[in-house]
C-alpha atoms as a PDB file:
ATOM      1  CA  MET A   1       0.000   0.000   0.000  1.00  0.00           C
ATOM      2  CA  LYS A   2       0.989   3.640  -0.440  1.00  0.00           C
ATOM      3  CA  VAL A   3       0.960   6.888   1.508  1.00  0.00           C
ATOM      4  CA  ALA A   4      -0.331   9.810  -0.567  1.00  0.00           C
ATOM      5  CA  ILE A   5       0.875  13.338   0.176  1.00  0.00           C
ATOM      6  CA  PHE A   6      -1.114  16.272  -1.198  1.00  0.00           C
ATOM      7  CA  LEU A   7       0.943  19.284  -2.264  1.00  0.00           C
ATOM      8  CA  PRO A   8      -1.712  21.986  -2.798  1.00  0.00           C
ATOM      9  CA  LYS A   9       0.519  24.712  -4.243  1.00  0.00           C
ATOM     10  CA  GLY A  10       3.435  24.889  -6.593  1.00  0.00           C
ATOM     11  CA  VAL A  11       5.080  27.591  -4.494  1.00  0.00           C
ATOM     12  CA  TYR A  12       8.054  26.326  -2.532  1.00  0.00           C
ATOM     13  CA  GLY A  13       7.064  27.908   0.788  1.00  0.00           C
ATOM     14  CA  GLY A  14       7.389  26.694   4.365  1.00  0.00           C
ATOM     15  CA  GLY A  15       4.537  24.158   4.296  1.00  0.00           C
ATOM     16  CA  GLU A  16       5.551  22.870   0.876  1.00  0.00           C
ATOM     17  CA  ARG A  17       9.146  22.421   2.074  1.00  0.00           C
ATOM     18  CA  VAL A  18       7.895  20.242   4.936  1.00  0.00           C
ATOM     19  CA  LEU A  19       5.669  18.163   2.622  1.00  0.00           C
ATOM     20  CA  ILE A  20       8.482  17.581   0.134  1.00  0.00           C
ATOM     21  CA  THR A  21      10.786  16.675   3.022  1.00  0.00           C
ATOM     22  CA  LEU A  22       8.213  14.105   4.203  1.00  0.00           C
ATOM     23  CA  MET A  23       8.116  12.652   0.685  1.00  0.00           C
ATOM     24  CA  ARG A  24      11.887  12.421   0.510  1.00  0.00           C
ATOM     25  CA  GLU A  25      12.408  10.990   3.998  1.00  0.00           C
ATOM     26  CA  PHE A  26       9.552   8.475   3.656  1.00  0.00           C
ATOM     27  CA  SER A  27      11.120   7.308   0.385  1.00  0.00           C
ATOM     28  CA  LYS A  28      14.496   6.902   2.111  1.00  0.00           C
ATOM     29  CA  ARG A  29      12.761   4.595   4.615  1.00  0.00           C
ATOM     30  CA  LYS A  30      11.361   2.613   1.661  1.00  0.00           C
ATOM     31  CA  ILE A  31       7.815   3.785   2.418  1.00  0.00           C
ATOM     32  CA  ASP A  32       5.839   3.730  -0.836  1.00  0.00           C
ATOM     33  CA  VAL A  33       4.788   7.338  -1.529  1.00  0.00           C
ATOM     34  CA  VAL A  34       2.745   9.024  -4.248  1.00  0.00           C
ATOM     35  CA  GLY A  35       2.210  12.771  -4.526  1.00  0.00           C
ATOM     36  CA  TYR A  36      -0.841  14.755  -5.652  1.00  0.00           C
ATOM     37  CA  THR A  37      -0.997  18.437  -6.582  1.00  0.00           C
ATOM     38  CA  ARG A  38      -3.293  20.965  -8.270  1.00  0.00           C
ATOM     39  CA  CYS A  39      -0.351  22.907  -9.721  1.00  0.00           C
ATOM     40  CA  LYS A  40       0.292  22.086 -13.382  1.00  0.00           C
ATOM     41  CA  THR A  41       3.604  23.953 -13.408  1.00  0.00           C
ATOM     42  CA  ILE A  42       5.167  22.255 -10.380  1.00  0.00           C
ATOM     43  CA  ASP A  43       8.884  21.543 -10.711  1.00  0.00           C
ATOM     44  CA  LYS A  44       8.872  17.752 -10.536  1.00  0.00           C
ATOM     45  CA  SER A  45      12.651  17.709 -10.139  1.00  0.00           C
ATOM     46  CA  ILE A  46      12.215  18.732  -6.482  1.00  0.00           C
ATOM     47  CA  VAL A  47       9.684  15.960  -5.811  1.00  0.00           C
ATOM     48  CA  PRO A  48      11.271  12.568  -5.006  1.00  0.00           C
ATOM     49  CA  CYS A  49       8.289  10.378  -6.002  1.00  0.00           C
ATOM     50  CA  LYS A  50       5.568   9.906  -8.616  1.00  0.00           C
ATOM     51  CA  MET A  51       3.473  13.088  -8.892  1.00  0.00           C
ATOM     52  CA  ILE A  52      -0.134  13.134 -10.105  1.00  0.00           C
ATOM     53  CA  VAL A  53      -1.486  16.511 -11.281  1.00  0.00           C
ATOM     54  CA  LEU A  54      -5.226  17.000 -10.648  1.00  0.00           C
ATOM     55  CA  ASP A  55      -7.449  18.678 -13.235  1.00  0.00           C
ATOM     56  CA  ASN A  56      -9.155  21.722 -11.703  1.00  0.00           C
ATOM     57  CA  ALA A  57     -11.102  22.438 -14.897  1.00  0.00           C
ATOM     58  CA  LYS A  58     -13.495  19.548 -14.306  1.00  0.00           C
ATOM     59  CA  SER A  59     -16.674  19.838 -12.255  1.00  0.00           C
ATOM     60  CA  LYS A  60     -16.257  19.267  -8.527  1.00  0.00           C
ATOM     61  CA  LEU A  61     -18.192  16.012  -8.713  1.00  0.00           C
ATOM     62  CA  LYS A  62     -15.962  14.761 -11.538  1.00  0.00           C
ATOM     63  CA  GLN A  63     -12.849  15.794  -9.572  1.00  0.00           C
ATOM     64  CA  VAL A  64     -14.057  13.833  -6.538  1.00  0.00           C
ATOM     65  CA  LEU A  65     -14.849  10.715  -8.570  1.00  0.00           C
ATOM     66  CA  ASP A  66     -11.575  10.843 -10.551  1.00  0.00           C
ATOM     67  CA  LEU A  67      -9.506  11.371  -7.416  1.00  0.00           C
ATOM     68  CA  SER A  68     -11.284   8.552  -5.598  1.00  0.00           C
ATOM     69  CA  SER A  69     -10.570   6.231  -8.518  1.00  0.00           C
ATOM     70  CA  SER A  70      -6.922   7.324  -8.580  1.00  0.00           C
ATOM     71  CA  LEU A  71      -6.493   6.635  -4.863  1.00  0.00           C
ATOM     72  CA  LYS A  72      -7.883   3.134  -5.368  1.00  0.00           C
ATOM     73  CA  ARG A  73      -5.774   2.551  -8.493  1.00  0.00           C
ATOM     74  CA  GLU A  74      -2.596   3.655  -6.688  1.00  0.00           C
ATOM     75  CA  ASN A  75      -3.509   1.398  -3.734  1.00  0.00           C
ATOM     76  CA  VAL A  76      -3.367   4.330  -1.282  1.00  0.00           C
ATOM     77  CA  GLY A  77      -4.168   3.514   2.338  1.00  0.00           C
ATOM     78  CA  LYS A  78      -3.361   6.829   4.005  1.00  0.00           C
ATOM     79  CA  VAL A  79      -3.152  10.469   2.883  1.00  0.00           C
ATOM     80  CA  ILE A  80      -1.467  13.492   4.457  1.00  0.00           C
ATOM     81  CA  VAL A  81      -2.929  16.915   3.652  1.00  0.00           C
ATOM     82  CA  PHE A  82      -1.729  20.311   4.896  1.00  0.00           C
ATOM     83  CA  GLY A  83      -4.775  22.553   5.073  1.00  0.00           C
ATOM     84  CA  LEU A  84      -8.426  22.064   4.214  1.00  0.00           C
ATOM     85  CA  ASP A  85      -9.303  20.583   0.822  1.00  0.00           C
ATOM     86  CA  THR A  86     -12.931  19.440   0.710  1.00  0.00           C
ATOM     87  CA  ILE A  87     -12.649  17.623  -2.635  1.00  0.00           C
ATOM     88  CA  PHE A  88      -9.665  15.615  -1.458  1.00  0.00           C
ATOM     89  CA  PHE A  89     -11.408  14.769   1.810  1.00  0.00           C
ATOM     90  CA  ILE A  90     -14.637  13.554   0.174  1.00  0.00           C
ATOM     91  CA  ALA A  91     -12.596  11.455  -2.276  1.00  0.00           C
ATOM     92  CA  THR A  92     -10.876   9.702   0.631  1.00  0.00           C
ATOM     93  CA  ARG A  93     -14.267   8.860   2.135  1.00  0.00           C
ATOM     94  CA  LEU A  94     -15.383   7.220  -1.124  1.00  0.00           C
ATOM     95  CA  ALA A  95     -12.081   5.368  -1.481  1.00  0.00           C
ATOM     96  CA  LYS A  96     -12.096   4.348   2.210  1.00  0.00           C
ATOM     97  CA  VAL A  97      -8.667   5.913   2.790  1.00  0.00           C
ATOM     98  CA  ASP A  98      -7.403   7.293   6.121  1.00  0.00           C
ATOM     99  CA  TYR A  99      -7.026  11.086   6.161  1.00  0.00           C
ATOM    100  CA  LEU A 100      -4.451  12.969   8.244  1.00  0.00           C
ATOM    101  CA  TYR A 101      -5.214  16.687   8.425  1.00  0.00           C
ATOM    102  CA  SER A 102      -2.303  18.946   9.397  1.00  0.00           C
ATOM    103  CA  LEU A 103      -3.472  22.336  10.644  1.00  0.00           C
ATOM    104  CA  ARG A 104      -0.943  25.026   9.676  1.00  0.00           C
ATOM    105  CA  VAL A 105      -2.854  28.226  10.489  1.00  0.00           C
ATOM    106  CA  ASP A 106      -3.829  30.363  13.462  1.00  0.00           C
ATOM    107  CA  PRO A 107      -7.226  28.985  14.604  1.00  0.00           C
ATOM    108  CA  LEU A 108      -8.326  32.459  15.704  1.00  0.00           C
ATOM    109  CA  GLN A 109      -8.293  33.562  12.063  1.00  0.00           C
ATOM    110  CA  ILE A 110     -10.632  30.782  10.898  1.00  0.00           C
ATOM    111  CA  ASP A 111     -14.225  30.021  11.826  1.00  0.00           C
ATOM    112  CA  PHE A 112     -14.018  26.350  12.773  1.00  0.00           C
ATOM    113  CA  LYS A 113     -17.742  26.342  13.482  1.00  0.00           C
ATOM    114  CA  LYS A 114     -18.377  26.371   9.748  1.00  0.00           C
ATOM    115  CA  LEU A 115     -19.827  23.108   8.511  1.00  0.00           C
ATOM    116  CA  THR A 116     -16.892  22.194   6.240  1.00  0.00           C
ATOM    117  CA  TYR A 117     -14.295  22.525   9.003  1.00  0.00           C
ATOM    118  CA  LYS A 118     -16.476  20.746  11.579  1.00  0.00           C
ATOM    119  CA  TYR A 119     -17.121  17.925   9.122  1.00  0.00           C
ATOM    120  CA  VAL A 120     -13.442  17.375   8.276  1.00  0.00           C
ATOM    121  CA  LEU A 121     -12.125  17.779  11.828  1.00  0.00           C
ATOM    122  CA  ASN A 122     -14.708  15.431  13.309  1.00  0.00           C
ATOM    123  CA  ARG A 123     -14.393  12.729  10.652  1.00  0.00           C
ATOM    124  CA  CYS A 124     -10.724  12.651   9.697  1.00  0.00           C
ATOM    125  CA  GLU A 125      -8.693   9.862  11.285  1.00  0.00           C
ATOM    126  CA  ARG A 126      -5.741  11.904  12.578  1.00  0.00           C
ATOM    127  CA  ILE A 127      -4.835  15.577  13.107  1.00  0.00           C
ATOM    128  CA  VAL A 128      -1.354  17.079  13.462  1.00  0.00           C
ATOM    129  CA  PHE A 129      -0.878  20.457  15.129  1.00  0.00           C
ATOM    130  CA  GLN A 130       2.356  22.421  15.087  1.00  0.00           C
ATOM    131  CA  THR A 131       2.123  23.754  18.649  1.00  0.00           C
ATOM    132  CA  LYS A 132       0.556  22.772  21.965  1.00  0.00           C
ATOM    133  CA  HIS A 133      -1.054  26.210  22.109  1.00  0.00           C
ATOM    134  CA  VAL A 134      -3.065  25.608  18.924  1.00  0.00           C
ATOM    135  CA  GLN A 135      -3.982  22.073  20.004  1.00  0.00           C
ATOM    136  CA  SER A 136      -5.406  23.420  23.279  1.00  0.00           C
ATOM    137  CA  TYR A 137      -7.863  25.589  21.318  1.00  0.00           C
ATOM    138  CA  PHE A 138      -9.890  22.542  20.258  1.00  0.00           C
ATOM    139  CA  PRO A 139     -12.326  20.331  22.218  1.00  0.00           C
ATOM    140  CA  LYS A 140     -11.248  17.084  23.854  1.00  0.00           C
ATOM    141  CA  SER A 141     -12.738  14.960  21.062  1.00  0.00           C
ATOM    142  CA  ILE A 142     -10.334  16.597  18.588  1.00  0.00           C
ATOM    143  CA  GLN A 143      -7.326  16.589  20.913  1.00  0.00           C
ATOM    144  CA  GLU A 144      -7.681  12.866  21.598  1.00  0.00           C
ATOM    145  CA  LYS A 145      -6.977  11.986  17.951  1.00  0.00           C
ATOM    146  CA  SER A 146      -4.281  14.603  17.477  1.00  0.00           C
ATOM    147  CA  CYS A 147      -0.577  15.019  18.054  1.00  0.00           C
ATOM    148  CA  VAL A 148       1.800  17.990  18.164  1.00  0.00           C
ATOM    149  CA  ILE A 149       4.645  17.621  15.673  1.00  0.00           C
ATOM    150  CA  PRO A 150       6.783  20.720  15.053  1.00  0.00           C
ATOM    151  CA  ASN A 151       8.623  21.351  11.814  1.00  0.00           C
ATOM    152  CA  PRO A 152      11.990  19.626  11.597  1.00  0.00           C
ATOM    153  CA  ILE A 153      15.205  21.353  10.706  1.00  0.00           C
ATOM    154  CA  LEU A 154      14.764  21.058   6.941  1.00  0.00           C
ATOM    155  CA  ASP A 155      18.245  21.829   5.686  1.00  0.00           C
ATOM    156  CA  ASP A 156      20.116  18.697   4.590  1.00  0.00           C
ATOM    157  CA  ASP A 157      23.367  20.608   4.504  1.00  0.00           C
ATOM    158  CA  LEU A 158      23.204  22.837   7.580  1.00  0.00           C
ATOM    159  CA  PRO A 159      26.563  24.594   8.095  1.00  0.00           C
ATOM    160  CA  GLU A 160      28.493  24.215  11.301  1.00  0.00           C
ATOM    161  CA  VAL A 161      27.893  26.848  13.952  1.00  0.00           C
ATOM    162  CA  SER A 162      30.285  29.745  13.393  1.00  0.00           C
ATOM    163  CA  ASP A 163      32.975  30.475  15.978  1.00  0.00           C
ATOM    164  CA  CYS A 164      33.799  33.812  14.353  1.00  0.00           C
ATOM    165  CA  ARG A 165      30.840  36.178  14.417  1.00  0.00           C
ATOM    166  CA  LYS A 166      30.323  39.656  13.010  1.00  0.00           C
ATOM    167  CA  LYS A 167      28.386  42.528  14.565  1.00  0.00           C
ATOM    168  CA  ARG A 168      25.279  41.831  12.543  1.00  0.00           C
ATOM    169  CA  ILE A 169      21.571  41.590  13.275  1.00  0.00           C
ATOM    170  CA  VAL A 170      19.642  39.604  10.662  1.00  0.00           C
ATOM    171  CA  LEU A 171      16.016  39.100   9.662  1.00  0.00           C
ATOM    172  CA  VAL A 172      14.765  36.607   7.062  1.00  0.00           C
ATOM    173  CA  GLY A 173      11.280  36.959   5.599  1.00  0.00           C
ATOM    174  CA  ARG A 174       8.992  38.240   2.885  1.00  0.00           C
ATOM    175  CA  LEU A 175       8.687  42.020   2.859  1.00  0.00           C
ATOM    176  CA  SER A 176       4.936  42.004   3.486  1.00  0.00           C
ATOM    177  CA  GLU A 177       2.489  43.303   6.092  1.00  0.00           C
ATOM    178  CA  GLU A 178       2.242  40.168   8.222  1.00  0.00           C
ATOM    179  CA  LYS A 179       6.027  40.073   8.741  1.00  0.00           C
ATOM    180  CA  ASN A 180       5.918  43.558  10.347  1.00  0.00           C
ATOM    181  CA  ILE A 181       9.487  44.406   9.366  1.00  0.00           C
ATOM    182  CA  GLU A 182       8.781  48.078  10.035  1.00  0.00           C
ATOM    183  CA  MET A 183       8.723  47.164  13.744  1.00  0.00           C
ATOM    184  CA  ALA A 184      12.248  45.742  13.475  1.00  0.00           C
ATOM    185  CA  ILE A 185      13.614  48.801  11.676  1.00  0.00           C
ATOM    186  CA  ARG A 186      12.060  51.232  14.157  1.00  0.00           C
ATOM    187  CA  ALA A 187      13.361  49.198  17.110  1.00  0.00           C
ATOM    188  CA  PHE A 188      16.856  49.131  15.616  1.00  0.00           C
ATOM    189  CA  SER A 189      16.723  52.916  15.247  1.00  0.00           C
ATOM    190  CA  GLN A 190      16.200  53.208  19.032  1.00  0.00           C
ATOM    191  CA  THR A 191      19.332  51.225  19.938  1.00  0.00           C
ATOM    192  CA  LYS A 192      22.902  52.345  20.387  1.00  0.00           C
ATOM    193  CA  HIS A 193      24.277  50.347  17.482  1.00  0.00           C
ATOM    194  CA  ASP A 194      27.845  49.957  18.788  1.00  0.00           C
ATOM    195  CA  GLY A 195      29.058  49.010  15.321  1.00  0.00           C
ATOM    196  CA  TYR A 196      26.165  46.649  14.550  1.00  0.00           C
ATOM    197  CA  SER A 197      24.491  46.609  11.137  1.00  0.00           C
ATOM    198  CA  PHE A 198      21.037  45.235  10.325  1.00  0.00           C
ATOM    199  CA  HIS A 199      20.674  42.913   7.304  1.00  0.00           C
ATOM    200  CA  ILE A 200      17.240  41.997   5.891  1.00  0.00           C
ATOM    201  CA  TYR A 201      16.974  38.953   3.601  1.00  0.00           C
ATOM    202  CA  GLY A 202      13.897  38.666   1.396  1.00  0.00           C
ATOM    203  CA  THR A 203      11.796  40.430  -1.203  1.00  0.00           C
ATOM    204  CA  GLY A 204       8.206  41.569  -1.322  1.00  0.00           C
ATOM    205  CA  PRO A 205       5.717  44.353  -2.017  1.00  0.00           C
ATOM    206  CA  LEU A 206       6.851  46.591   0.863  1.00  0.00           C
ATOM    207  CA  LEU A 207      10.476  46.969  -0.268  1.00  0.00           C
ATOM    208  CA  ALA A 208      10.116  50.596  -1.458  1.00  0.00           C
ATOM    209  CA  LYS A 209       8.145  51.610   1.637  1.00  0.00           C
ATOM    210  CA  LEU A 210      10.719  50.059   3.985  1.00  0.00           C
ATOM    211  CA  GLN A 211      13.602  51.640   2.074  1.00  0.00           C
ATOM    212  CA  GLU A 212      11.911  55.023   2.468  1.00  0.00           C
ATOM    213  CA  LEU A 213      11.514  54.408   6.218  1.00  0.00           C
ATOM    214  CA  VAL A 214      15.223  53.612   6.491  1.00  0.00           C
ATOM    215  CA  LYS A 215      15.988  56.874   4.700  1.00  0.00           C
ATOM    216  CA  GLN A 216      13.669  58.854   7.003  1.00  0.00           C
ATOM    217  CA  LEU A 217      15.419  57.372  10.044  1.00  0.00           C
ATOM    218  CA  SER A 218      18.883  58.117   8.556  1.00  0.00           C
ATOM    219  CA  LEU A 219      19.875  54.449   8.715  1.00  0.00           C
ATOM    220  CA  GLU A 220      21.072  54.016   5.117  1.00  0.00           C
ATOM    221  CA  LYS A 221      24.578  53.008   6.265  1.00  0.00           C
ATOM    222  CA  GLU A 222      23.401  50.578   8.956  1.00  0.00           C
ATOM    223  CA  VAL A 223      20.401  48.818   7.337  1.00  0.00           C
ATOM    224  CA  VAL A 224      21.063  46.631   4.285  1.00  0.00           C
ATOM    225  CA  PHE A 225      18.370  45.042   2.111  1.00  0.00           C
ATOM    226  CA  GLU A 226      20.071  41.884   0.854  1.00  0.00           C
ATOM    227  CA  GLY A 227      17.220  40.611  -1.340  1.00  0.00           C
ATOM    228  CA  GLN A 228      16.446  36.943  -1.920  1.00  0.00           C
ATOM    229  CA  VAL A 229      19.438  34.620  -1.605  1.00  0.00           C
ATOM    230  CA  VAL A 230      19.932  30.901  -2.135  1.00  0.00           C
ATOM    231  CA  HIS A 231      20.684  28.900   1.044  1.00  0.00           C
ATOM    232  CA  VAL A 232      20.231  31.827   3.400  1.00  0.00           C
ATOM    233  CA  VAL A 233      21.816  30.004   6.363  1.00  0.00           C
ATOM    234  CA  ASP A 234      25.212  30.509   4.690  1.00  0.00           C
ATOM    235  CA  TYR A 235      24.641  34.279   4.906  1.00  0.00           C
ATOM    236  CA  ILE A 236      23.329  34.457   8.478  1.00  0.00           C
ATOM    237  CA  ARG A 237      25.539  31.861  10.176  1.00  0.00           C
ATOM    238  CA  ASP A 238      28.163  34.351  11.348  1.00  0.00           C
ATOM    239  CA  ALA A 239      25.683  37.001  12.606  1.00  0.00           C
ATOM    240  CA  GLU A 240      25.122  37.637  16.316  1.00  0.00           C
ATOM    241  CA  ILE A 241      21.366  38.301  16.594  1.00  0.00           C
ATOM    242  CA  PHE A 242      18.289  37.044  14.718  1.00  0.00           C
ATOM    243  CA  LEU A 243      14.924  38.852  14.628  1.00  0.00           C
ATOM    244  CA  LEU A 244      11.421  37.657  13.804  1.00  0.00           C
ATOM    245  CA  THR A 245       8.768  40.365  14.115  1.00  0.00           C
ATOM    246  CA  SER A 246       5.767  38.670  12.496  1.00  0.00           C
ATOM    247  CA  ASN A 247       2.152  39.157  13.480  1.00  0.00           C
ATOM    248  CA  PHE A 248       1.315  35.780  11.985  1.00  0.00           C
ATOM    249  CA  GLU A 249       3.286  32.558  11.675  1.00  0.00           C
ATOM    250  CA  GLY A 250       2.615  28.848  11.995  1.00  0.00           C
ATOM    251  CA  MET A 251       5.895  27.166  12.863  1.00  0.00           C
ATOM    252  CA  PRO A 252       8.491  29.526  11.348  1.00  0.00           C
ATOM    253  CA  ASN A 253      11.324  27.708   9.605  1.00  0.00           C
ATOM    254  CA  ALA A 254      13.380  30.918   9.543  1.00  0.00           C
ATOM    255  CA  LEU A 255      13.369  31.114  13.352  1.00  0.00           C
ATOM    256  CA  ILE A 256      14.254  27.425  13.625  1.00  0.00           C
ATOM    257  CA  GLU A 257      17.220  27.965  11.302  1.00  0.00           C
ATOM    258  CA  GLY A 258      18.327  31.071  13.221  1.00  0.00           C
ATOM    259  CA  LEU A 259      18.381  29.070  16.455  1.00  0.00           C
ATOM    260  CA  ALA A 260      20.108  26.132  14.752  1.00  0.00           C
ATOM    261  CA  MET A 261      22.889  28.448  13.570  1.00  0.00           C
ATOM    262  CA  GLY A 262      23.508  29.525  17.158  1.00  0.00           C
ATOM    263  CA  LEU A 263      22.174  33.084  16.914  1.00  0.00           C
ATOM    264  CA  ALA A 264      20.648  34.861  19.896  1.00  0.00           C
ATOM    265  CA  CYS A 265      17.037  35.151  18.737  1.00  0.00           C
ATOM    266  CA  ILE A 266      14.242  37.603  19.485  1.00  0.00           C
ATOM    267  CA  SER A 267      10.729  36.839  18.284  1.00  0.00           C
ATOM    268  CA  THR A 268       7.303  38.346  18.657  1.00  0.00           C
ATOM    269  CA  ASP A 269       4.693  36.250  20.439  1.00  0.00           C
ATOM    270  CA  PHE A 270       2.437  35.655  17.401  1.00  0.00           C
ATOM    271  CA  PRO A 271      -0.854  33.809  18.055  1.00  0.00           C
ATOM    272  CA  SER A 272       0.132  30.231  17.125  1.00  0.00           C
ATOM    273  CA  GLY A 273       2.292  30.054  20.248  1.00  0.00           C
ATOM    274  CA  ALA A 274       5.316  28.710  18.374  1.00  0.00           C
ATOM    275  CA  ALA A 275       7.769  31.362  19.635  1.00  0.00           C
ATOM    276  CA  PRO A 276       7.689  30.403  23.348  1.00  0.00           C
ATOM    277  CA  GLU A 277       7.784  26.720  22.366  1.00  0.00           C
ATOM    278  CA  LEU A 278      10.948  27.281  20.300  1.00  0.00           C
ATOM    279  CA  ILE A 279      12.630  29.959  22.448  1.00  0.00           C
ATOM    280  CA  GLU A 280      13.149  29.562  26.170  1.00  0.00           C
ATOM    281  CA  ASP A 281      12.577  33.207  27.067  1.00  0.00           C
ATOM    282  CA  GLY A 282      15.627  34.660  28.781  1.00  0.00           C
ATOM    283  CA  GLN A 283      17.674  31.511  28.135  1.00  0.00           C
ATOM    284  CA  SER A 284      17.983  30.866  24.391  1.00  0.00           C
ATOM    285  CA  GLY A 285      16.541  34.230  23.370  1.00  0.00           C
ATOM    286  CA  PHE A 286      13.692  36.640  24.057  1.00  0.00           C
ATOM    287  CA  VAL A 287       9.976  36.666  23.221  1.00  0.00           C
ATOM    288  CA  VAL A 288       8.328  40.097  23.011  1.00  0.00           C
ATOM    289  CA  PRO A 289       4.710  41.240  22.445  1.00  0.00           C
ATOM    290  CA  MET A 290       3.609  41.871  18.873  1.00  0.00           C
ATOM    291  CA  ASN A 291       3.878  45.506  17.696  1.00  0.00           C
ATOM    292  CA  ASP A 292       5.756  46.566  20.861  1.00  0.00           C
ATOM    293  CA  VAL A 293       8.652  48.488  19.336  1.00  0.00           C
ATOM    294  CA  ASN A 294       9.981  49.630  22.718  1.00  0.00           C
ATOM    295  CA  ALA A 295      10.083  46.094  24.132  1.00  0.00           C
ATOM    296  CA  LEU A 296      11.947  44.861  21.064  1.00  0.00           C
ATOM    297  CA  ALA A 297      14.413  47.754  21.172  1.00  0.00           C
ATOM    298  CA  LYS A 298      15.086  47.070  24.860  1.00  0.00           C
ATOM    299  CA  ARG A 299      15.859  43.384  24.224  1.00  0.00           C
ATOM    300  CA  MET A 300      18.010  44.232  21.212  1.00  0.00           C
ATOM    301  CA  GLN A 301      20.021  46.699  23.290  1.00  0.00           C
ATOM    302  CA  ILE A 302      20.563  44.080  26.005  1.00  0.00           C
ATOM    303  CA  LEU A 303      21.961  41.616  23.471  1.00  0.00           C
ATOM    304  CA  ILE A 304      24.113  44.265  21.795  1.00  0.00           C
ATOM    305  CA  SER A 305      25.578  45.434  25.105  1.00  0.00           C
ATOM    306  CA  ASP A 306      25.862  42.227  27.162  1.00  0.00           C
ATOM    307  CA  ASP A 307      28.419  39.962  25.491  1.00  0.00           C
ATOM    308  CA  ALA A 308      28.281  37.284  28.197  1.00  0.00           C
ATOM    309  CA  LEU A 309      24.482  36.946  28.052  1.00  0.00           C
ATOM    310  CA  ARG A 310      24.479  36.899  24.268  1.00  0.00           C
ATOM    311  CA  HIS A 311      27.093  34.138  24.190  1.00  0.00           C
ATOM    312  CA  ARG A 312      25.160  32.068  26.743  1.00  0.00           C
ATOM    313  CA  MET A 313      22.001  32.382  24.657  1.00  0.00           C
ATOM    314  CA  GLN A 314      23.849  31.430  21.484  1.00  0.00           C
ATOM    315  CA  LYS A 315      25.182  28.288  23.141  1.00  0.00           C
ATOM    316  CA  LYS A 316      21.692  27.408  24.388  1.00  0.00           C
ATOM    317  CA  SER A 317      19.922  28.077  21.072  1.00  0.00           C
ATOM    318  CA  VAL A 318      21.967  25.427  19.243  1.00  0.00           C
ATOM    319  CA  GLU A 319      20.197  22.728  21.292  1.00  0.00           C
ATOM    320  CA  ILE A 320      17.320  23.071  18.796  1.00  0.00           C
ATOM    321  CA  ARG A 321      19.392  20.884  16.461  1.00  0.00           C
ATOM    322  CA  GLN A 322      18.753  17.889  18.712  1.00  0.00           C
ATOM    323  CA  ARG A 323      15.140  18.781  19.577  1.00  0.00           C
ATOM    324  CA  LEU A 324      14.069  19.143  15.946  1.00  0.00           C
ATOM    325  CA  ALA A 325      16.469  16.730  14.267  1.00  0.00           C
ATOM    326  CA  LEU A 326      15.006  15.560  10.962  1.00  0.00           C
ATOM    327  CA  ASP A 327      15.137  11.826  11.692  1.00  0.00           C
ATOM    328  CA  LYS A 328      13.458  12.357  15.072  1.00  0.00           C
ATOM    329  CA  ILE A 329      10.565  14.375  13.606  1.00  0.00           C
ATOM    330  CA  ILE A 330      10.035  11.970  10.686  1.00  0.00           C
ATOM    331  CA  SER A 331       9.792   9.103  13.178  1.00  0.00           C
ATOM    332  CA  GLN A 332       7.036  11.009  14.994  1.00  0.00           C
ATOM    333  CA  TRP A 333       5.047  11.231  11.745  1.00  0.00           C
ATOM    334  CA  VAL A 334       5.540   7.528  10.993  1.00  0.00           C
ATOM    335  CA  ASN A 335       4.622   6.391  14.501  1.00  0.00           C
ATOM    336  CA  PHE A 336       1.616   8.686  14.965  1.00  0.00           C
ATOM    337  CA  TYR A 337       0.076   7.726  11.621  1.00  0.00           C
ATOM    338  CA  SER A 338       0.858   4.009  12.150  1.00  0.00           C
ATOM    339  CA  ILE A 339       2.754   3.693   8.870  1.00  0.00           C
ATOM    340  CA  ASP A 340       3.718   0.039   9.263  1.00  0.00           C
ATOM    341  CA  ASP A 341       5.274  -2.704   7.123  1.00  0.00           C
ATOM    342  CA  ASN A 342       2.244  -2.738   4.813  1.00  0.00           C
ATOM    343  CA  TYR A 343       3.527   0.532   3.340  1.00  0.00           C
ATOM    344  CA  ILE A 344       7.136  -0.585   2.770  1.00  0.00           C
ATOM    345  CA  ARG A 345       8.233  -1.175  -0.825  1.00  0.00           C
ATOM    346  CA  GLN A 346       9.078  -4.803  -1.454  1.00  0.00           C
END
């Protein structure tokens, strides 16, 4: 039998990186995997298994029937889906296939009382949450068939922790509203820089607006927009401090990678609750309230000024490499979903 993994988008974002990693690591364990996607332009070279592209042009009924037939034809016993897809769920009911639903969003932003969500959550076989905080939002009946599995460290080729750091503060993220990078720039402007520069990695619609803010604050020499880079950990590994100022995240891979590279990290306490589950506040970094520029500036100044504290936090943050080791997290998926010998390629 096979495990099917549904890749809803063609964009190689955080959730898609985790799904593709599951495909690759399952295949390494000789688990028979087949992928499904709605994206006709997906780069199949990054997908380590057979990929079936679904036809969105058909009627919904035809999509359900075709998908159900495909699941039976591929001898699929279990599916893993990130996010809500009603057509995929109904098809699994017809094909009598187990459905694992992985919730990747802030539950406060979605009305789970709506019939579609209630139907899927109550009838799917398993649910994976990214944080304990999100899991606690749901009733006991949902929690009893769920498990908390954080994102693993996704990088196959993670560099060694640097022993020669530069006076740099770094932020990695899309230049968009939800990342709240303006908060980071304004907080940096309130600190005594002491030779530190601030490097922002990413692109997005707010680039011009943020560049204008930097100009208004007379920070053109200290703040550098680095753009999008390949393998960003190579660029941030020798920095001292990592910032995440988002108002919304699930389980942020950028923060995980910042910790794994041994940076002292500061994150906002966005609603999913991931920040305090990744950062031990005051030990491996700091967690500050969303939109509180003064609180962020205060914590940044502490890390800039207190070398001993910063070094202790950097040493502590590296422990994330063991907590979220790829093999450990993949084993949690396999064990929770009871992927047994029936799914091993012969």
